[in-house]
Amino acid sequence: MTTERAENPIDETHSREVVVANEQGLHARPADLVAREAQRWESRIEFIGKAQRVDGKSILDLLTLAAEEGTHLVIEATGPDACEALDAIGNLFDKKFASNDSNVMTHSEKTQQEKHGSGTSARINTVACEGVADGNTNS
């Protein structure tokens, strides 16, 4: 994975692996939930599966993953609220896209993240997000 994808040199890229656990896979309804959640965040959100990288804010792009039950996907988020976005989207997968929105972190609940001003290029960080360390992948 490259670090040149960051639009702002001080933004970090964080990643998390998720597994599609519901029997119907990532079909239209859960893809819509994921895209809507991703759209709430400032960070760029991308899903990687089967050598395919798609925009996590696009329901159509998510559907092209054809992610069936048991499919492992990597979510990458780049931006000032990347960790919070990964937590919120990861929750959707953890809860099998259940409609209980009380357990899903909303954009209004995100915390202010300190800017990491050191260095001129983006850093890929897969372990610094609090609450996602177990689901992170090593790049």
N, C-alpha and C. Protein backbone atom coordinates (compact mmCIF):
# COMPACT_ATOMS: atom_id res chain seq x y z
N MET A 1 0.84 -1.17 0.00
CA MET A 1 0.00 0.00 0.00
C MET A 1 0.88 1.23 0.00
N THR A 2 0.45 2.23 -0.68
CA THR A 2 1.27 3.43 -0.79
C THR A 2 0.77 4.51 0.15
N THR A 3 1.65 5.44 0.43
CA THR A 3 1.27 6.57 1.28
C THR A 3 1.00 7.81 0.44
N GLU A 4 1.14 7.73 -0.87
CA GLU A 4 0.95 8.90 -1.72
C GLU A 4 -0.51 9.24 -1.95
N ARG A 5 -1.43 8.40 -1.51
CA ARG A 5 -2.85 8.59 -1.77
C ARG A 5 -3.47 9.70 -0.91
N ALA A 6 -2.80 10.12 0.14
CA ALA A 6 -3.37 11.12 1.04
C ALA A 6 -3.44 12.47 0.36
N GLU A 7 -4.61 13.11 0.46
CA GLU A 7 -4.79 14.42 -0.12
C GLU A 7 -4.09 15.49 0.70
N ASN A 8 -4.08 15.36 2.00
CA ASN A 8 -3.44 16.29 2.90
C ASN A 8 -2.26 15.56 3.52
N PRO A 9 -1.06 16.10 3.37
CA PRO A 9 0.12 15.38 3.85
C PRO A 9 0.10 15.05 5.34
N ILE A 10 -0.69 15.75 6.15
CA ILE A 10 -0.69 15.46 7.58
C ILE A 10 -1.74 14.42 7.96
N ASP A 11 -2.57 14.01 7.01
CA ASP A 11 -3.57 12.99 7.31
C ASP A 11 -2.94 11.61 7.32
N GLU A 12 -3.41 10.78 8.20
CA GLU A 12 -2.91 9.42 8.29
C GLU A 12 -3.94 8.47 7.69
N THR A 13 -3.46 7.35 7.19
CA THR A 13 -4.33 6.30 6.71
C THR A 13 -4.37 5.20 7.75
N HIS A 14 -5.57 4.85 8.16
CA HIS A 14 -5.79 3.77 9.11
C HIS A 14 -6.58 2.68 8.40
N SER A 15 -6.38 1.44 8.82
CA SER A 15 -7.10 0.35 8.18
C SER A 15 -7.63 -0.62 9.22
N ARG A 16 -8.65 -1.34 8.81
CA ARG A 16 -9.27 -2.33 9.67
C ARG A 16 -9.83 -3.43 8.79
N GLU A 17 -9.67 -4.66 9.22
CA GLU A 17 -10.26 -5.78 8.49
C GLU A 17 -11.61 -6.10 9.11
N VAL A 18 -12.59 -6.35 8.24
CA VAL A 18 -13.92 -6.76 8.67
C VAL A 18 -14.30 -8.02 7.92
N VAL A 19 -15.26 -8.75 8.46
CA VAL A 19 -15.76 -9.96 7.82
C VAL A 19 -17.26 -9.78 7.64
N VAL A 20 -17.74 -10.08 6.46
CA VAL A 20 -19.17 -10.03 6.19
C VAL A 20 -19.77 -11.26 6.85
N ALA A 21 -20.56 -11.05 7.91
CA ALA A 21 -21.04 -12.16 8.72
C ALA A 21 -22.50 -12.52 8.49
N ASN A 22 -23.26 -11.66 7.82
CA ASN A 22 -24.67 -12.00 7.62
C ASN A 22 -24.84 -12.92 6.41
N GLU A 23 -25.87 -13.75 6.46
CA GLU A 23 -26.08 -14.79 5.46
C GLU A 23 -26.25 -14.25 4.04
N GLN A 24 -26.84 -13.08 3.89
CA GLN A 24 -27.11 -12.53 2.56
C GLN A 24 -25.91 -11.77 1.98
N GLY A 25 -24.86 -11.62 2.76
CA GLY A 25 -23.68 -10.90 2.28
C GLY A 25 -23.91 -9.39 2.27
N LEU A 26 -23.07 -8.70 1.56
CA LEU A 26 -23.15 -7.23 1.47
C LEU A 26 -24.08 -6.87 0.31
N HIS A 27 -25.39 -7.12 0.50
CA HIS A 27 -26.38 -6.83 -0.53
C HIS A 27 -26.82 -5.37 -0.40
N ALA A 28 -27.88 -5.00 -1.09
CA ALA A 28 -28.27 -3.59 -1.22
C ALA A 28 -28.51 -2.88 0.12
N ARG A 29 -29.28 -3.49 1.03
CA ARG A 29 -29.58 -2.79 2.28
C ARG A 29 -28.34 -2.53 3.12
N PRO A 30 -27.50 -3.55 3.39
CA PRO A 30 -26.30 -3.25 4.17
C PRO A 30 -25.31 -2.35 3.43
N ALA A 31 -25.23 -2.47 2.12
CA ALA A 31 -24.33 -1.58 1.36
C ALA A 31 -24.80 -0.14 1.49
N ASP A 32 -26.12 0.06 1.49
CA ASP A 32 -26.67 1.40 1.69
C ASP A 32 -26.33 1.93 3.08
N LEU A 33 -26.47 1.08 4.11
CA LEU A 33 -26.12 1.49 5.48
C LEU A 33 -24.65 1.88 5.58
N VAL A 34 -23.79 1.08 4.97
CA VAL A 34 -22.35 1.36 5.01
C VAL A 34 -22.04 2.66 4.28
N ALA A 35 -22.58 2.85 3.09
CA ALA A 35 -22.32 4.06 2.31
C ALA A 35 -22.82 5.30 3.05
N ARG A 36 -24.01 5.20 3.64
CA ARG A 36 -24.54 6.36 4.39
C ARG A 36 -23.67 6.70 5.59
N GLU A 37 -23.21 5.67 6.29
CA GLU A 37 -22.33 5.92 7.44
C GLU A 37 -21.02 6.54 6.96
N ALA A 38 -20.45 6.02 5.88
CA ALA A 38 -19.19 6.54 5.36
C ALA A 38 -19.33 8.00 4.93
N GLN A 39 -20.48 8.36 4.39
CA GLN A 39 -20.71 9.73 3.93
C GLN A 39 -20.76 10.72 5.08
N ARG A 40 -20.97 10.25 6.28
CA ARG A 40 -21.03 11.15 7.45
C ARG A 40 -19.64 11.66 7.87
N TRP A 41 -18.61 11.05 7.36
CA TRP A 41 -17.26 11.35 7.81
C TRP A 41 -16.50 12.13 6.75
N GLU A 42 -15.63 12.99 7.21
CA GLU A 42 -14.81 13.80 6.31
C GLU A 42 -13.75 12.95 5.60
N SER A 43 -13.25 11.95 6.26
CA SER A 43 -12.18 11.11 5.71
C SER A 43 -12.61 10.40 4.44
N ARG A 44 -11.62 10.13 3.59
CA ARG A 44 -11.84 9.28 2.42
C ARG A 44 -11.90 7.85 2.94
N ILE A 45 -12.90 7.09 2.50
CA ILE A 45 -13.10 5.72 2.97
C ILE A 45 -13.13 4.80 1.76
N GLU A 46 -12.27 3.79 1.79
CA GLU A 46 -12.20 2.84 0.69
C GLU A 46 -12.25 1.42 1.24
N PHE A 47 -12.85 0.54 0.46
CA PHE A 47 -12.92 -0.88 0.80
C PHE A 47 -12.06 -1.64 -0.19
N ILE A 48 -11.33 -2.63 0.32
CA ILE A 48 -10.46 -3.44 -0.52
C ILE A 48 -10.87 -4.89 -0.35
N GLY A 49 -11.15 -5.53 -1.46
CA GLY A 49 -11.52 -6.93 -1.43
C GLY A 49 -11.23 -7.58 -2.76
N LYS A 50 -10.65 -8.76 -2.74
CA LYS A 50 -10.35 -9.50 -3.96
C LYS A 50 -9.63 -8.64 -5.00
N ALA A 51 -8.59 -7.96 -4.57
CA ALA A 51 -7.76 -7.11 -5.43
C ALA A 51 -8.55 -5.98 -6.08
N GLN A 52 -9.61 -5.56 -5.44
CA GLN A 52 -10.46 -4.48 -5.94
C GLN A 52 -10.57 -3.42 -4.85
N ARG A 53 -10.37 -2.15 -5.21
CA ARG A 53 -10.49 -1.04 -4.27
C ARG A 53 -11.65 -0.17 -4.73
N VAL A 54 -12.61 0.08 -3.80
CA VAL A 54 -13.79 0.86 -4.16
C VAL A 54 -14.04 1.97 -3.15
N ASP A 55 -14.79 2.96 -3.57
CA ASP A 55 -15.18 4.09 -2.73
C ASP A 55 -16.25 3.62 -1.75
N GLY A 56 -15.97 3.74 -0.46
CA GLY A 56 -16.91 3.30 0.56
C GLY A 56 -18.11 4.20 0.71
N LYS A 57 -18.10 5.34 0.06
CA LYS A 57 -19.23 6.26 0.15
C LYS A 57 -20.21 6.06 -1.00
N SER A 58 -19.95 5.07 -1.85
CA SER A 58 -20.79 4.78 -3.01
C SER A 58 -21.42 3.40 -2.87
N ILE A 59 -22.75 3.36 -2.78
CA ILE A 59 -23.44 2.08 -2.67
C ILE A 59 -23.15 1.21 -3.89
N LEU A 60 -23.11 1.79 -5.07
CA LEU A 60 -22.85 1.00 -6.28
C LEU A 60 -21.45 0.40 -6.26
N ASP A 61 -20.48 1.19 -5.82
CA ASP A 61 -19.12 0.67 -5.72
C ASP A 61 -19.06 -0.49 -4.72
N LEU A 62 -19.73 -0.33 -3.59
CA LEU A 62 -19.73 -1.40 -2.58
C LEU A 62 -20.36 -2.67 -3.12
N LEU A 63 -21.43 -2.53 -3.89
CA LEU A 63 -22.08 -3.71 -4.45
C LEU A 63 -21.19 -4.45 -5.44
N THR A 64 -20.29 -3.73 -6.12
CA THR A 64 -19.40 -4.39 -7.08
C THR A 64 -18.41 -5.34 -6.40
N LEU A 65 -18.27 -5.22 -5.09
CA LEU A 65 -17.39 -6.14 -4.36
C LEU A 65 -17.97 -7.56 -4.34
N ALA A 66 -19.28 -7.68 -4.52
CA ALA A 66 -19.96 -8.98 -4.49
C ALA A 66 -19.52 -9.79 -3.26
N ALA A 67 -19.51 -9.12 -2.12
CA ALA A 67 -19.02 -9.73 -0.87
C ALA A 67 -20.08 -10.63 -0.26
N GLU A 68 -19.82 -11.92 -0.31
CA GLU A 68 -20.71 -12.92 0.26
C GLU A 68 -20.37 -13.13 1.73
N GLU A 69 -21.21 -13.91 2.40
CA GLU A 69 -20.94 -14.24 3.80
C GLU A 69 -19.55 -14.86 3.92
N GLY A 70 -18.79 -14.38 4.90
CA GLY A 70 -17.44 -14.90 5.13
C GLY A 70 -16.35 -14.13 4.41
N THR A 71 -16.72 -13.20 3.54
CA THR A 71 -15.73 -12.41 2.81
C THR A 71 -14.99 -11.48 3.75
N HIS A 72 -13.66 -11.46 3.64
CA HIS A 72 -12.83 -10.54 4.40
C HIS A 72 -12.59 -9.30 3.55
N LEU A 73 -12.83 -8.14 4.14
CA LEU A 73 -12.59 -6.86 3.46
C LEU A 73 -11.69 -6.01 4.33
N VAL A 74 -10.91 -5.16 3.71
CA VAL A 74 -10.11 -4.19 4.44
C VAL A 74 -10.72 -2.82 4.18
N ILE A 75 -10.95 -2.09 5.26
CA ILE A 75 -11.44 -0.72 5.14
C ILE A 75 -10.25 0.19 5.39
N GLU A 76 -10.02 1.14 4.51
CA GLU A 76 -8.99 2.16 4.71
C GLU A 76 -9.66 3.51 4.82
N ALA A 77 -9.26 4.27 5.81
CA ALA A 77 -9.78 5.62 6.01
C ALA A 77 -8.60 6.57 6.11
N THR A 78 -8.68 7.66 5.35
CA THR A 78 -7.63 8.66 5.36
C THR A 78 -8.26 10.02 5.63
N GLY A 79 -7.84 10.64 6.72
CA GLY A 79 -8.37 11.95 7.04
C GLY A 79 -8.36 12.21 8.53
N PRO A 80 -8.86 13.36 8.92
CA PRO A 80 -8.77 13.77 10.32
C PRO A 80 -9.65 12.97 11.26
N ASP A 81 -10.67 12.30 10.74
CA ASP A 81 -11.56 11.51 11.59
C ASP A 81 -11.54 10.03 11.20
N ALA A 82 -10.39 9.58 10.70
CA ALA A 82 -10.26 8.22 10.18
C ALA A 82 -10.56 7.15 11.23
N CYS A 83 -10.02 7.28 12.43
CA CYS A 83 -10.24 6.28 13.47
C CYS A 83 -11.71 6.17 13.85
N GLU A 84 -12.35 7.30 14.01
CA GLU A 84 -13.76 7.31 14.38
C GLU A 84 -14.61 6.71 13.28
N ALA A 85 -14.28 7.01 12.03
CA ALA A 85 -15.02 6.45 10.91
C ALA A 85 -14.88 4.93 10.88
N LEU A 86 -13.67 4.43 11.10
CA LEU A 86 -13.45 2.98 11.13
C LEU A 86 -14.25 2.32 12.24
N ASP A 87 -14.30 2.96 13.41
CA ASP A 87 -15.08 2.42 14.52
C ASP A 87 -16.56 2.31 14.13
N ALA A 88 -17.10 3.37 13.57
CA ALA A 88 -18.52 3.40 13.22
C ALA A 88 -18.86 2.38 12.14
N ILE A 89 -18.05 2.32 11.11
CA ILE A 89 -18.32 1.37 10.02
C ILE A 89 -18.07 -0.06 10.49
N GLY A 90 -17.02 -0.25 11.27
CA GLY A 90 -16.75 -1.58 11.82
C GLY A 90 -17.89 -2.08 12.67
N ASN A 91 -18.54 -1.18 13.42
CA ASN A 91 -19.70 -1.55 14.24
C ASN A 91 -20.82 -2.13 13.38
N LEU A 92 -21.02 -1.56 12.20
CA LEU A 92 -22.06 -2.08 11.31
C LEU A 92 -21.79 -3.54 10.95
N PHE A 93 -20.53 -3.84 10.64
CA PHE A 93 -20.17 -5.22 10.30
C PHE A 93 -20.26 -6.12 11.54
N ASP A 94 -19.79 -5.62 12.69
CA ASP A 94 -19.84 -6.41 13.92
C ASP A 94 -21.26 -6.79 14.30
N LYS A 95 -22.20 -5.91 14.04
CA LYS A 95 -23.61 -6.12 14.40
C LYS A 95 -24.40 -6.73 13.25
N LYS A 96 -23.70 -7.19 12.20
CA LYS A 96 -24.34 -7.80 11.03
C LYS A 96 -25.38 -6.87 10.41
N PHE A 97 -25.10 -5.58 10.42
CA PHE A 97 -25.94 -4.55 9.81
C PHE A 97 -27.30 -4.45 10.46
N ALA A 98 -27.39 -4.81 11.75
CA ALA A 98 -28.65 -4.70 12.48
C ALA A 98 -29.10 -3.25 12.48
N SER A 99 -30.40 -3.04 12.48
CA SER A 99 -30.94 -1.69 12.40
C SER A 99 -30.96 -0.96 13.73
N ASN A 100 -30.34 -1.51 14.76
CA ASN A 100 -30.27 -0.86 16.07
C ASN A 100 -29.22 0.24 16.01
N ASP A 101 -29.65 1.44 15.64
CA ASP A 101 -28.73 2.56 15.45
C ASP A 101 -28.15 3.09 16.74
N SER A 102 -28.65 2.67 17.89
CA SER A 102 -28.12 3.18 19.15
C SER A 102 -26.70 2.69 19.40
N ASN A 103 -26.31 1.60 18.74
CA ASN A 103 -24.96 1.06 18.93
C ASN A 103 -23.97 1.55 17.89
N VAL A 104 -24.42 2.37 16.95
CA VAL A 104 -23.55 2.85 15.89
C VAL A 104 -23.15 4.28 16.20
N MET A 105 -21.86 4.54 16.17
CA MET A 105 -21.36 5.87 16.44
C MET A 105 -21.78 6.79 15.29
N THR A 106 -22.36 7.94 15.65
CA THR A 106 -22.77 8.88 14.62
C THR A 106 -21.72 9.97 14.48
N HIS A 107 -21.84 10.70 13.40
CA HIS A 107 -20.88 11.76 13.11
C HIS A 107 -20.87 12.80 14.24
N SER A 108 -22.03 13.10 14.81
CA SER A 108 -22.09 14.09 15.88
C SER A 108 -21.39 13.63 17.15
N GLU A 109 -21.16 12.33 17.29
CA GLU A 109 -20.50 11.80 18.48
C GLU A 109 -18.98 11.70 18.34
N LYS A 110 -18.46 11.96 17.16
CA LYS A 110 -17.01 11.80 16.98
C LYS A 110 -16.25 12.82 17.81
N THR A 111 -15.09 12.45 18.22
CA THR A 111 -14.26 13.33 19.02
C THR A 111 -13.30 14.11 18.15
N GLN A 112 -12.86 15.23 18.66
CA GLN A 112 -11.89 16.06 17.94
C GLN A 112 -10.54 15.36 17.99
N GLN A 113 -9.98 15.04 16.85
CA GLN A 113 -8.70 14.34 16.79
C GLN A 113 -7.59 15.38 16.60
N GLU A 114 -6.53 15.21 17.37
CA GLU A 114 -5.40 16.12 17.23
C GLU A 114 -4.72 15.91 15.89
N LYS A 115 -4.29 17.00 15.30
CA LYS A 115 -3.58 16.90 14.03
C LYS A 115 -2.15 16.50 14.31
N HIS A 116 -1.65 15.60 13.48
CA HIS A 116 -0.28 15.14 13.58
C HIS A 116 0.54 15.93 12.56
N GLY A 117 1.13 17.01 12.99
CA GLY A 117 1.83 17.91 12.09
C GLY A 117 3.24 17.51 11.74
N SER A 118 3.78 16.47 12.34
CA SER A 118 5.16 16.12 12.04
C SER A 118 5.23 15.33 10.75
N GLY A 119 6.22 15.64 9.95
CA GLY A 119 6.42 14.93 8.69
C GLY A 119 5.64 15.57 7.56
N THR A 120 6.05 15.28 6.34
CA THR A 120 5.41 15.89 5.19
C THR A 120 4.63 14.88 4.37
N SER A 121 4.68 13.61 4.71
CA SER A 121 3.92 12.62 3.96
C SER A 121 2.98 11.90 4.90
N ALA A 122 1.94 11.33 4.33
CA ALA A 122 0.97 10.60 5.14
C ALA A 122 1.61 9.32 5.66
N ARG A 123 1.16 8.92 6.83
CA ARG A 123 1.66 7.69 7.42
C ARG A 123 0.53 6.69 7.48
N ILE A 124 0.85 5.45 7.20
CA ILE A 124 -0.15 4.41 7.36
C ILE A 124 0.00 3.86 8.77
N ASN A 125 -1.08 3.92 9.53
CA ASN A 125 -1.05 3.52 10.92
C ASN A 125 -2.18 2.53 11.13
N THR A 126 -1.83 1.31 11.47
CA THR A 126 -2.86 0.30 11.61
C THR A 126 -3.09 -0.12 13.06
N VAL A 127 -2.41 0.51 14.01
CA VAL A 127 -2.61 0.11 15.39
C VAL A 127 -2.93 1.26 16.32
N ALA A 128 -2.90 2.50 15.88
CA ALA A 128 -3.07 3.63 16.77
C ALA A 128 -4.52 3.96 17.08
N CYS A 129 -5.46 3.45 16.33
CA CYS A 129 -6.86 3.75 16.58
C CYS A 129 -7.32 3.04 17.84
N GLU A 130 -7.84 3.79 18.78
CA GLU A 130 -8.35 3.18 19.99
C GLU A 130 -9.61 2.41 19.66
N GLY A 131 -9.74 1.23 20.23
CA GLY A 131 -10.93 0.45 20.03
C GLY A 131 -10.96 -0.39 18.77
N VAL A 132 -9.95 -0.28 17.92
CA VAL A 132 -9.93 -1.06 16.68
C VAL A 132 -8.71 -1.93 16.59
N ALA A 133 -7.90 -1.97 17.61
CA ALA A 133 -6.61 -2.67 17.52
C ALA A 133 -6.79 -4.14 17.15
N ASP A 134 -7.83 -4.79 17.66
CA ASP A 134 -8.02 -6.21 17.35
C ASP A 134 -8.43 -6.45 15.92
N GLY A 135 -9.07 -5.49 15.27
CA GLY A 135 -9.55 -5.70 13.91
C GLY A 135 -8.63 -5.13 12.86
N ASN A 136 -7.51 -4.54 13.26
CA ASN A 136 -6.63 -3.92 12.29
C ASN A 136 -5.83 -4.94 11.51
N THR A 137 -5.41 -4.51 10.33
CA THR A 137 -4.52 -5.35 9.53
C THR A 137 -3.15 -4.73 9.54
N ASN A 138 -2.17 -5.52 9.32
CA ASN A 138 -0.80 -5.00 9.21
C ASN A 138 -0.49 -4.79 7.75
N SER A 139 -0.17 -3.57 7.42
CA SER A 139 0.09 -3.25 6.01
C SER A 139 1.51 -3.58 5.64
